[in-house]
C-alpha atoms as a PDB file:
ATOM      1  CA  MET A   1     101.831  96.757  75.048  1.00  0.00           C
ATOM      2  CA  SER A   2      99.889  95.037  72.496  1.00  0.00           C
ATOM      3  CA  SER A   3      97.496  97.872  71.535  1.00  0.00           C
ATOM      4  CA  GLY A   4     100.539 100.229  70.726  1.00  0.00           C
ATOM      5  CA  LEU A   5      98.466 103.210  71.651  1.00  0.00           C
ATOM      6  CA  LYS A   6     100.223 106.507  72.248  1.00  0.00           C
ATOM      7  CA  LEU A   7      98.902 109.792  72.174  1.00  0.00           C
ATOM      8  CA  TRP A   8      99.106 113.435  73.090  1.00  0.00           C
ATOM      9  CA  GLY A   9      96.642 115.135  75.439  1.00  0.00           C
ATOM     10  CA  SER A  10      96.141 118.585  76.773  1.00  0.00           C
ATOM     11  CA  ARG A  11      96.057 120.003  79.939  1.00  0.00           C
ATOM     12  CA  VAL A  12      92.731 120.922  81.166  1.00  0.00           C
ATOM     13  CA  THR A  13      92.339 123.226  83.972  1.00  0.00           C
ATOM     14  CA  ARG A  14      88.950 123.268  86.587  1.00  0.00           C
ATOM     15  CA  ASP A  15      86.479 125.629  86.595  1.00  0.00           C
ATOM     16  CA  ALA A  16      85.560 126.799  90.147  1.00  0.00           C
ATOM     17  CA  SER A  17      81.984 126.773  91.107  1.00  0.00           C
ATOM     18  CA  ALA A  18      79.661 129.853  91.034  1.00  0.00           C
ATOM     19  CA  SER A  19      78.730 130.925  94.702  1.00  0.00           C
ATOM     20  CA  GLY A  20      75.694 132.262  95.735  1.00  0.00           C
ATOM     21  CA  PRO A  21      72.192 130.909  96.866  1.00  0.00           C
ATOM     22  CA  LEU A  22      70.577 127.903  94.929  1.00  0.00           C
ATOM     23  CA  THR A  23      67.932 129.509  92.332  1.00  0.00           C
ATOM     24  CA  PRO A  24      66.790 127.160  89.269  1.00  0.00           C
ATOM     25  CA  PRO A  25      68.399 128.429  86.399  1.00  0.00           C
ATOM     26  CA  SER A  26      67.634 128.801  83.091  1.00  0.00           C
ATOM     27  CA  GLY A  27      68.692 129.868  79.618  1.00  0.00           C
ATOM     28  CA  PRO A  28      70.923 127.475  77.081  1.00  0.00           C
ATOM     29  CA  ASP A  29      73.942 128.911  78.847  1.00  0.00           C
ATOM     30  CA  ARG A  30      73.179 127.093  82.528  1.00  0.00           C
ATOM     31  CA  ARG A  31      76.433 124.819  81.668  1.00  0.00           C
ATOM     32  CA  ARG A  32      79.938 125.881  80.710  1.00  0.00           C
ATOM     33  CA  HIS A  33      81.261 122.416  78.611  1.00  0.00           C
ATOM     34  CA  SER A  34      84.440 121.755  77.258  1.00  0.00           C
ATOM     35  CA  SER A  35      84.302 120.757  73.813  1.00  0.00           C
ATOM     36  CA  ALA A  36      87.865 119.837  73.349  1.00  0.00           C
ATOM     37  CA  LEU A  37      88.281 116.910  75.332  1.00  0.00           C
ATOM     38  CA  PHE A  38      89.599 114.769  72.657  1.00  0.00           C
ATOM     39  CA  THR A  39      91.153 117.236  69.810  1.00  0.00           C
ATOM     40  CA  ALA A  40      93.097 116.525  67.144  1.00  0.00           C
ATOM     41  CA  PRO A  41      96.551 114.844  68.131  1.00  0.00           C
ATOM     42  CA  THR A  42      99.445 117.662  68.190  1.00  0.00           C
ATOM     43  CA  ALA A  43     103.205 116.756  69.582  1.00  0.00           C
ATOM     44  CA  PRO A  44     104.556 119.512  71.713  1.00  0.00           C
ATOM     45  CA  ALA A  45     106.999 121.528  70.321  1.00  0.00           C
ATOM     46  CA  ALA A  46     111.008 120.558  70.829  1.00  0.00           C
ATOM     47  CA  ASP A  47     111.473 123.004  73.610  1.00  0.00           C
ATOM     48  CA  ALA A  48     108.627 123.135  75.390  1.00  0.00           C
ATOM     49  CA  SER A  49     107.802 121.964  78.769  1.00  0.00           C
ATOM     50  CA  PRO A  50     105.342 119.217  79.154  1.00  0.00           C
ATOM     51  CA  PRO A  51     102.279 119.710  80.554  1.00  0.00           C
ATOM     52  CA  TRP A  52     102.828 118.088  83.935  1.00  0.00           C
ATOM     53  CA  ALA A  53     105.809 120.497  84.920  1.00  0.00           C
ATOM     54  CA  ALA A  54     105.489 123.459  86.368  1.00  0.00           C
ATOM     55  CA  PRO A  55     103.611 124.779  88.298  1.00  0.00           C
ATOM     56  CA  SER A  56     102.135 121.697  89.834  1.00  0.00           C
ATOM     57  CA  TRP A  57     105.321 120.914  91.562  1.00  0.00           C
ATOM     58  CA  PRO A  58     107.447 123.016  93.635  1.00  0.00           C
ATOM     59  CA  GLY A  59     111.151 124.179  92.571  1.00  0.00           C
ATOM     60  CA  SER A  60     113.159 123.971  89.395  1.00  0.00           C
ATOM     61  CA  ALA A  61     111.682 120.080  88.417  1.00  0.00           C
ATOM     62  CA  PRO A  62     110.080 117.286  90.070  1.00  0.00           C
ATOM     63  CA  PRO A  63     111.841 114.730  92.203  1.00  0.00           C
ATOM     64  CA  SER A  64     113.583 111.543  90.566  1.00  0.00           C
ATOM     65  CA  ARG A  65     112.688 108.243  91.512  1.00  0.00           C
ATOM     66  CA  ASP A  66     116.230 108.002  92.505  1.00  0.00           C
ATOM     67  CA  GLN A  67     115.558 111.057  94.961  1.00  0.00           C
ATOM     68  CA  LYS A  68     113.744 111.170  98.160  1.00  0.00           C
ATOM     69  CA  PRO A  69     111.847 113.816  97.891  1.00  0.00           C
ATOM     70  CA  ARG A  70     110.551 115.393 100.998  1.00  0.00           C
ATOM     71  CA  LEU A  71     106.980 116.183 100.273  1.00  0.00           C
ATOM     72  CA  GLN A  72     105.221 114.188 102.893  1.00  0.00           C
ATOM     73  CA  ALA A  73     105.468 115.993 105.600  1.00  0.00           C
ATOM     74  CA  LYS A  74     104.631 119.238 103.942  1.00  0.00           C
ATOM     75  CA  SER A  75     101.435 117.546 102.779  1.00  0.00           C
ATOM     76  CA  SER A  76     100.722 116.681 106.108  1.00  0.00           C
ATOM     77  CA  ALA A  77     100.878 119.698 107.675  1.00  0.00           C
ATOM     78  CA  ALA A  78      98.970 121.605 104.705  1.00  0.00           C
ATOM     79  CA  LEU A  79      96.076 118.894 105.608  1.00  0.00           C
ATOM     80  CA  SER A  80      96.161 119.727 109.589  1.00  0.00           C
ATOM     81  CA  ARG A  81      95.717 123.274 108.343  1.00  0.00           C
ATOM     82  CA  GLY A  82      92.559 122.340 106.555  1.00  0.00           C
ATOM     83  CA  SER A  83      93.736 122.445 103.026  1.00  0.00           C
ATOM     84  CA  ASP A  84      92.205 119.719 100.828  1.00  0.00           C
ATOM     85  CA  VAL A  85      93.517 118.818  97.033  1.00  0.00           C
ATOM     86  CA  TRP A  86      91.680 121.834  95.671  1.00  0.00           C
ATOM     87  CA  GLY A  87      93.123 124.303  98.317  1.00  0.00           C
ATOM     88  CA  ARG A  88      90.138 125.684  99.870  1.00  0.00           C
ATOM     89  CA  GLY A  89      91.201 125.780 103.865  1.00  0.00           C
ATOM     90  CA  GLN A  90      88.499 125.801 106.419  1.00  0.00           C
ATOM     91  CA  GLY A  91      85.509 125.339 104.012  1.00  0.00           C
ATOM     92  CA  ALA A  92      86.844 122.109 102.650  1.00  0.00           C
ATOM     93  CA  ARG A  93      86.587 120.660 106.484  1.00  0.00           C
ATOM     94  CA  ALA A  94      83.534 121.971 106.847  1.00  0.00           C
ATOM     95  CA  ARG A  95      82.446 120.555 103.645  1.00  0.00           C
ATOM     96  CA  VAL A  96      83.677 116.985 104.213  1.00  0.00           C
ATOM     97  CA  LYS A  97      82.284 117.319 107.763  1.00  0.00           C
ATOM     98  CA  MET A  98      79.014 117.859 106.254  1.00  0.00           C
ATOM     99  CA  ALA A  99      79.199 115.246 103.806  1.00  0.00           C
ATOM    100  CA  ALA A 100      80.057 112.824 106.786  1.00  0.00           C
ATOM    101  CA  ASP A 101      76.832 114.227 108.514  1.00  0.00           C
ATOM    102  CA  ALA A 102      74.908 113.562 105.779  1.00  0.00           C
ATOM    103  CA  GLY A 103      75.427 109.982 105.791  1.00  0.00           C
ATOM    104  CA  ARG A 104      78.610 107.777 105.185  1.00  0.00           C
ATOM    105  CA  PHE A 105      81.787 109.024 103.683  1.00  0.00           C
ATOM    106  CA  CYS A 106      81.878 109.506  99.828  1.00  0.00           C
ATOM    107  CA  VAL A 107      84.417 107.587  97.528  1.00  0.00           C
ATOM    108  CA  ARG A 108      87.064 109.146  95.446  1.00  0.00           C
ATOM    109  CA  SER A 109      85.646 111.229  92.755  1.00  0.00           C
ATOM    110  CA  SER A 110      86.649 110.956  89.301  1.00  0.00           C
ATOM    111  CA  ARG A 111      87.664 114.709  89.123  1.00  0.00           C
ATOM    112  CA  GLU A 112      89.797 114.395  92.299  1.00  0.00           C
ATOM    113  CA  LEU A 113      91.392 111.560  90.586  1.00  0.00           C
ATOM    114  CA  TRP A 114      92.065 113.479  87.640  1.00  0.00           C
ATOM    115  CA  THR A 115      93.696 115.990  89.532  1.00  0.00           C
ATOM    116  CA  ILE A 116      95.943 113.577  91.438  1.00  0.00           C
ATOM    117  CA  LEU A 117      97.043 111.792  88.295  1.00  0.00           C
ATOM    118  CA  LEU A 118      97.888 115.659  87.333  1.00  0.00           C
ATOM    119  CA  GLY A 119     100.112 116.427  90.149  1.00  0.00           C
ATOM    120  CA  ARG A 120      98.347 119.277  91.397  1.00  0.00           C
ATOM    121  CA  SER A 121      97.013 117.137  95.004  1.00  0.00           C
ATOM    122  CA  ALA A 122      98.854 116.824  98.345  1.00  0.00           C
ATOM    123  CA  LEU A 123      99.280 113.258  97.047  1.00  0.00           C
ATOM    124  CA  ARG A 124     102.563 113.260  94.901  1.00  0.00           C
ATOM    125  CA  GLU A 125     104.652 110.531  95.905  1.00  0.00           C
ATOM    126  CA  LEU A 126     105.230 107.829  93.502  1.00  0.00           C
ATOM    127  CA  ASN A 127     103.639 104.983  96.012  1.00  0.00           C
ATOM    128  CA  GLN A 128     100.875 107.396  96.575  1.00  0.00           C
ATOM    129  CA  ILE A 129     100.254 107.865  92.881  1.00  0.00           C
ATOM    130  CA  GLU A 130     100.789 104.048  92.640  1.00  0.00           C
ATOM    131  CA  ALA A 131      98.163 103.375  95.277  1.00  0.00           C
ATOM    132  CA  GLU A 132      95.751 105.624  93.688  1.00  0.00           C
ATOM    133  CA  LEU A 133      95.565 103.918  90.422  1.00  0.00           C
ATOM    134  CA  ASN A 134      95.851 100.213  91.977  1.00  0.00           C
ATOM    135  CA  LYS A 135      92.495 101.063  94.023  1.00  0.00           C
ATOM    136  CA  HIS A 136      90.785 102.884  90.935  1.00  0.00           C
ATOM    137  CA  TRP A 137      91.941 100.784  87.683  1.00  0.00           C
ATOM    138  CA  GLN A 138      89.058  98.907  87.432  1.00  0.00           C
ATOM    139  CA  ARG A 139      86.912 102.045  87.382  1.00  0.00           C
ATOM    140  CA  LEU A 140      89.043 103.381  84.502  1.00  0.00           C
ATOM    141  CA  LEU A 141      88.659 100.202  82.566  1.00  0.00           C
ATOM    142  CA  GLU A 142      84.578 100.106  82.981  1.00  0.00           C
ATOM    143  CA  GLY A 143      84.820 103.942  81.849  1.00  0.00           C
ATOM    144  CA  LEU A 144      81.201 105.083  81.155  1.00  0.00           C
ATOM    145  CA  SER A 145      79.640 101.524  82.264  1.00  0.00           C
ATOM    146  CA  TYR A 146      81.327 102.357  85.412  1.00  0.00           C
ATOM    147  CA  TYR A 147      77.763 104.167  86.087  1.00  0.00           C
ATOM    148  CA  ARG A 148      75.059 101.580  86.615  1.00  0.00           C
ATOM    149  CA  PRO A 149      71.513 102.052  85.362  1.00  0.00           C
ATOM    150  CA  PRO A 150      68.927 101.938  88.327  1.00  0.00           C
ATOM    151  CA  SER A 151      67.246  98.827  89.522  1.00  0.00           C
ATOM    152  CA  PRO A 152      65.023  98.155  92.507  1.00  0.00           C
ATOM    153  CA  SER A 153      67.069  96.495  94.657  1.00  0.00           C
ATOM    154  CA  SER A 154      69.434  99.356  95.037  1.00  0.00           C
ATOM    155  CA  ALA A 155      66.810 101.476  95.380  1.00  0.00           C
ATOM    156  CA  GLU A 156      65.335  98.786  98.090  1.00  0.00           C
ATOM    157  CA  LYS A 157      68.586  99.232  99.756  1.00  0.00           C
ATOM    158  CA  VAL A 158      68.786 102.850  99.870  1.00  0.00           C
ATOM    159  CA  LYS A 159      65.370 103.118 101.522  1.00  0.00           C
ATOM    160  CA  ALA A 160      66.390 100.472 104.012  1.00  0.00           C
ATOM    161  CA  ASP A 161      69.458 102.239 104.950  1.00  0.00           C
ATOM    162  CA  GLU A 162      68.872 103.600 108.779  1.00  0.00           C
ATOM    163  CA  GLU A 163      72.389 105.977 108.807  1.00  0.00           C
ATOM    164  CA  LEU A 164      70.986 107.846 105.881  1.00  0.00           C
ATOM    165  CA  ALA A 165      68.740 111.124 106.493  1.00  0.00           C
ATOM    166  CA  PRO A 166      65.523 110.759 104.957  1.00  0.00           C
ATOM    167  CA  GLN A 167      65.732 114.174 102.975  1.00  0.00           C
ATOM    168  CA  LEU A 168      69.122 112.752 101.371  1.00  0.00           C
ATOM    169  CA  LYS A 169      67.276 109.347 100.910  1.00  0.00           C
ATOM    170  CA  GLU A 170      64.379 111.543  98.769  1.00  0.00           C
ATOM    171  CA  VAL A 171      67.240 113.597  96.511  1.00  0.00           C
ATOM    172  CA  GLY A 172      69.109 110.621  96.034  1.00  0.00           C
ATOM    173  CA  LEU A 173      65.809 108.620  94.528  1.00  0.00           C
ATOM    174  CA  ARG A 174      65.269 111.696  92.241  1.00  0.00           C
ATOM    175  CA  ILE A 175      68.525 111.970  91.171  1.00  0.00           C
ATOM    176  CA  SER A 176      68.556 108.153  90.248  1.00  0.00           C
ATOM    177  CA  LYS A 177      65.470 108.650  88.220  1.00  0.00           C
ATOM    178  CA  PHE A 178      66.332 111.813  86.774  1.00  0.00           C
ATOM    179  CA  LEU A 179      69.856 110.817  85.466  1.00  0.00           C
ATOM    180  CA  GLY A 180      68.851 106.942  84.798  1.00  0.00           C
ATOM    181  CA  LEU A 181      71.795 106.171  87.459  1.00  0.00           C
ATOM    182  CA  ASP A 182      71.867 103.548  90.054  1.00  0.00           C
ATOM    183  CA  ALA A 183      70.259 104.689  93.533  1.00  0.00           C
ATOM    184  CA  GLU A 184      73.212 104.038  95.844  1.00  0.00           C
ATOM    185  CA  GLN A 185      75.252 105.568  93.176  1.00  0.00           C
ATOM    186  CA  SER A 186      73.260 108.706  93.010  1.00  0.00           C
ATOM    187  CA  VAL A 187      73.581 109.108  96.837  1.00  0.00           C
ATOM    188  CA  LEU A 188      77.349 108.542  96.836  1.00  0.00           C
ATOM    189  CA  LEU A 189      77.423 111.539  94.029  1.00  0.00           C
ATOM    190  CA  LEU A 190      75.197 113.649  95.953  1.00  0.00           C
ATOM    191  CA  GLN A 191      77.472 113.375  99.017  1.00  0.00           C
ATOM    192  CA  CYS A 192      80.727 113.973  96.839  1.00  0.00           C
ATOM    193  CA  TYR A 193      78.681 117.022  95.227  1.00  0.00           C
ATOM    194  CA  ILE A 194      78.217 118.296  98.693  1.00  0.00           C
ATOM    195  CA  GLN A 195      81.824 117.671  99.800  1.00  0.00           C
ATOM    196  CA  GLU A 196      83.626 119.253  96.922  1.00  0.00           C
ATOM    197  CA  ASP A 197      81.200 121.614  95.361  1.00  0.00           C
ATOM    198  CA  TYR A 198      78.566 122.733  97.552  1.00  0.00           C
ATOM    199  CA  ARG A 199      78.850 126.279  98.848  1.00  0.00           C
ATOM    200  CA  GLY A 200      76.402 126.661 102.080  1.00  0.00           C
ATOM    201  CA  THR A 201      75.781 125.678 106.070  1.00  0.00           C
ATOM    202  CA  VAL A 202      74.639 122.293 107.256  1.00  0.00           C
ATOM    203  CA  ASP A 203      71.390 124.567 108.481  1.00  0.00           C
ATOM    204  CA  SER A 204      71.210 126.001 104.543  1.00  0.00           C
ATOM    205  CA  LEU A 205      71.635 122.441 103.185  1.00  0.00           C
ATOM    206  CA  LYS A 206      68.704 121.070 105.473  1.00  0.00           C
ATOM    207  CA  THR A 207      66.976 123.827 104.088  1.00  0.00           C
ATOM    208  CA  VAL A 208      67.713 123.608 100.165  1.00  0.00           C
ATOM    209  CA  LEU A 209      66.459 119.690 100.915  1.00  0.00           C
ATOM    210  CA  GLN A 210      63.072 120.280 102.475  1.00  0.00           C
ATOM    211  CA  ASP A 211      62.310 123.118 100.038  1.00  0.00           C
ATOM    212  CA  GLU A 212      60.921 121.988  96.889  1.00  0.00           C
ATOM    213  CA  ARG A 213      62.287 124.594  94.488  1.00  0.00           C
ATOM    214  CA  GLN A 214      65.831 124.892  96.105  1.00  0.00           C
ATOM    215  CA  SER A 215      66.190 120.557  95.829  1.00  0.00           C
ATOM    216  CA  GLN A 216      65.138 120.837  92.034  1.00  0.00           C
ATOM    217  CA  ALA A 217      68.152 123.536  91.569  1.00  0.00           C
ATOM    218  CA  LEU A 218      70.336 121.290  93.534  1.00  0.00           C
ATOM    219  CA  ILE A 219      69.575 117.939  91.464  1.00  0.00           C
ATOM    220  CA  LEU A 220      70.633 120.153  88.707  1.00  0.00           C
ATOM    221  CA  LYS A 221      73.984 120.865  89.997  1.00  0.00           C
ATOM    222  CA  VAL A 222      74.403 117.385  90.755  1.00  0.00           C
ATOM    223  CA  ALA A 223      73.527 116.777  86.857  1.00  0.00           C
ATOM    224  CA  ASP A 224      75.901 119.186  86.414  1.00  0.00           C
ATOM    225  CA  TYR A 225      78.563 117.526  88.475  1.00  0.00           C
ATOM    226  CA  TYR A 226      77.634 114.002  87.374  1.00  0.00           C
ATOM    227  CA  TYR A 227      78.551 115.042  83.587  1.00  0.00           C
ATOM    228  CA  GLU A 228      81.782 116.204  84.492  1.00  0.00           C
ATOM    229  CA  GLU A 229      82.400 112.810  86.623  1.00  0.00           C
ATOM    230  CA  ARG A 230      81.787 110.912  83.523  1.00  0.00           C
ATOM    231  CA  THR A 231      84.266 113.092  81.442  1.00  0.00           C
ATOM    232  CA  CYS A 232      87.049 113.093  84.022  1.00  0.00           C
ATOM    233  CA  VAL A 233      87.153 109.003  84.050  1.00  0.00           C
ATOM    234  CA  LEU A 234      87.770 109.535  80.367  1.00  0.00           C
ATOM    235  CA  ARG A 235      90.209 112.262  81.039  1.00  0.00           C
ATOM    236  CA  CYS A 236      91.818 110.103  83.335  1.00  0.00           C
ATOM    237  CA  VAL A 237      92.405 107.176  80.756  1.00  0.00           C
ATOM    238  CA  LEU A 238      93.655 110.016  77.987  1.00  0.00           C
ATOM    239  CA  HIS A 239      96.291 111.293  80.580  1.00  0.00           C
ATOM    240  CA  LEU A 240      97.623 107.735  81.323  1.00  0.00           C
ATOM    241  CA  LEU A 241      97.818 106.642  77.552  1.00  0.00           C
ATOM    242  CA  THR A 242      99.556 110.030  76.436  1.00  0.00           C
ATOM    243  CA  TYR A 243     102.266 109.734  79.207  1.00  0.00           C
ATOM    244  CA  PHE A 244     102.770 106.077  79.776  1.00  0.00           C
ATOM    245  CA  GLN A 245     105.587 105.687  77.425  1.00  0.00           C
ATOM    246  CA  ASP A 246     107.222 109.288  78.333  1.00  0.00           C
ATOM    247  CA  GLU A 247     110.405 109.005  80.011  1.00  0.00           C
ATOM    248  CA  ARG A 248     110.559 112.654  81.123  1.00  0.00           C
ATOM    249  CA  HIS A 249     107.439 112.009  83.158  1.00  0.00           C
ATOM    250  CA  PRO A 250     107.962 111.151  87.253  1.00  0.00           C
ATOM    251  CA  TYR A 251     104.955 108.923  87.145  1.00  0.00           C
ATOM    252  CA  ARG A 252     105.846 106.710  84.012  1.00  0.00           C
ATOM    253  CA  VAL A 253     106.456 103.500  85.467  1.00  0.00           C
ATOM    254  CA  GLU A 254     103.218 103.852  87.505  1.00  0.00           C
ATOM    255  CA  TYR A 255     101.471 104.636  84.136  1.00  0.00           C
ATOM    256  CA  ALA A 256     102.678 102.077  82.429  1.00  0.00           C
ATOM    257  CA  ASP A 257     101.947  99.345  84.882  1.00  0.00           C
ATOM    258  CA  CYS A 258      98.521 100.873  85.409  1.00  0.00           C
ATOM    259  CA  VAL A 259      98.145 100.337  81.275  1.00  0.00           C
ATOM    260  CA  ASP A 260      99.471  97.112  81.072  1.00  0.00           C
ATOM    261  CA  LYS A 261      96.753  96.042  83.266  1.00  0.00           C
ATOM    262  CA  LEU A 262      94.166  97.774  81.440  1.00  0.00           C
ATOM    263  CA  ASP A 263      95.271  96.436  78.025  1.00  0.00           C
ATOM    264  CA  LYS A 264      95.439  92.764  79.420  1.00  0.00           C
ATOM    265  CA  GLU A 265      91.473  93.380  80.382  1.00  0.00           C
ATOM    266  CA  GLN A 266      90.750  94.518  76.228  1.00  0.00           C
ATOM    267  CA  LEU A 267      90.292  98.131  77.432  1.00  0.00           C
ATOM    268  CA  VAL A 268      90.080  98.965  73.929  1.00  0.00           C
ATOM    269  CA  VAL A 269      87.178  96.486  72.812  1.00  0.00           C
ATOM    270  CA  LYS A 270      85.591  97.538  75.896  1.00  0.00           C
ATOM    271  CA  TYR A 271      85.629 101.113  75.363  1.00  0.00           C
ATOM    272  CA  ARG A 272      84.501 100.393  71.592  1.00  0.00           C
ATOM    273  CA  GLN A 273      81.448  98.832  72.500  1.00  0.00           C
ATOM    274  CA  GLN A 274      80.589 101.687  74.838  1.00  0.00           C
ATOM    275  CA  PHE A 275      80.676 103.464  72.300  1.00  0.00           C
ATOM    276  CA  GLU A 276      78.695 101.848  69.713  1.00  0.00           C
ATOM    277  CA  GLU A 277      76.085 101.089  72.592  1.00  0.00           C
ATOM    278  CA  LEU A 278      75.885 104.772  73.138  1.00  0.00           C
ATOM    279  CA  CYS A 279      75.340 105.657  69.746  1.00  0.00           C
ATOM    280  CA  LYS A 280      72.305 103.250  69.576  1.00  0.00           C
ATOM    281  CA  ALA A 281      70.909 104.806  72.957  1.00  0.00           C
ATOM    282  CA  GLU A 282      67.649 106.365  72.857  1.00  0.00           C
ATOM    283  CA  ALA A 283      67.479 110.070  74.067  1.00  0.00           C
ATOM    284  CA  PRO A 284      65.832 110.452  77.263  1.00  0.00           C
ATOM    285  CA  THR A 285      62.414 112.133  77.624  1.00  0.00           C
ATOM    286  CA  TRP A 286      60.303 114.194  80.508  1.00  0.00           C
ATOM    287  CA  GLU A 287      57.984 111.211  80.476  1.00  0.00           C
ATOM    288  CA  THR A 288      61.044 108.483  81.701  1.00  0.00           C
ATOM    289  CA  ARG A 289      63.131 110.958  83.558  1.00  0.00           C
ATOM    290  CA  GLY A 290      60.471 113.640  84.762  1.00  0.00           C
ATOM    291  CA  ASN A 291      59.647 117.287  84.202  1.00  0.00           C
ATOM    292  CA  LEU A 292      63.138 118.444  84.989  1.00  0.00           C
ATOM    293  CA  MET A 293      64.252 116.888  81.587  1.00  0.00           C
ATOM    294  CA  LYS A 294      64.148 119.211  79.431  1.00  0.00           C
ATOM    295  CA  ASN A 295      65.766 119.729  75.932  1.00  0.00           C
ATOM    296  CA  SER A 296      68.715 121.449  77.017  1.00  0.00           C
ATOM    297  CA  GLU A 297      69.324 118.575  79.863  1.00  0.00           C
ATOM    298  CA  VAL A 298      68.786 116.019  77.092  1.00  0.00           C
ATOM    299  CA  ASN A 299      71.191 117.661  74.830  1.00  0.00           C
ATOM    300  CA  THR A 300      74.006 117.644  77.458  1.00  0.00           C
ATOM    301  CA  LEU A 301      73.194 114.090  78.597  1.00  0.00           C
ATOM    302  CA  MET A 302      73.808 112.649  75.253  1.00  0.00           C
ATOM    303  CA  THR A 303      76.952 114.882  74.355  1.00  0.00           C
ATOM    304  CA  SER A 304      78.403 114.138  77.796  1.00  0.00           C
END
């Protein structure tokens, strides 16, 4: 690789979302953010196990490239019992159906991709990891630029979508204005949140969408989800750059192929440009984003 990048990253675990009814949060402690995404590089101890090792893989060690792992049948059996990549069982199947009923099925979220790369999902075969990277490497290349600013044409497409429920259209457009995000991506973001993080039934979702107070709380929760999505895109790239030269890693070859493609497309240059643009960006206000854009929201948006 021409850029010669080699980094050491830290293993990041996922916080489970709190359950309970949707109520407008308040106070400076509404979110839980990780301030150690890009910490000072530290090499692991010589006798330490790599962060991608157990308990991510069943047994004593992950299958080698020369072996023929028999995980696909186990993965299929687990999925048939209703388990998703987060292991939430029947509740996950209900949320997937809820997202599908709400409109078109959402795309792979950045958080789910991050989990797959860590080896914590049902997709662990080498060809499955390669397929995921081939499918989503463009998103990793774009980084935070993957999330486009709003445009009139995108908003018109959402309004003209007959397959989308009217309540979802309205909330999606409000999310678009609040986050300064493309309208179509805002709808997809809402659907992914419903699939992965929403704790409730289809009937309760309809009530939330129709009630002004609860819909505001839903928008704030989707905003939290959006900030995490942005962070997970960067985590995925950091993970690839950390282990694409590690001979011990079972996905080293797949990571190296993806990093080669990213390097040929000037990954470092694109990310440097994004950093410079973010440093020059003006902070949003309630006048441009609506009444929900309070100081705590501004601070979170500018640091995520």
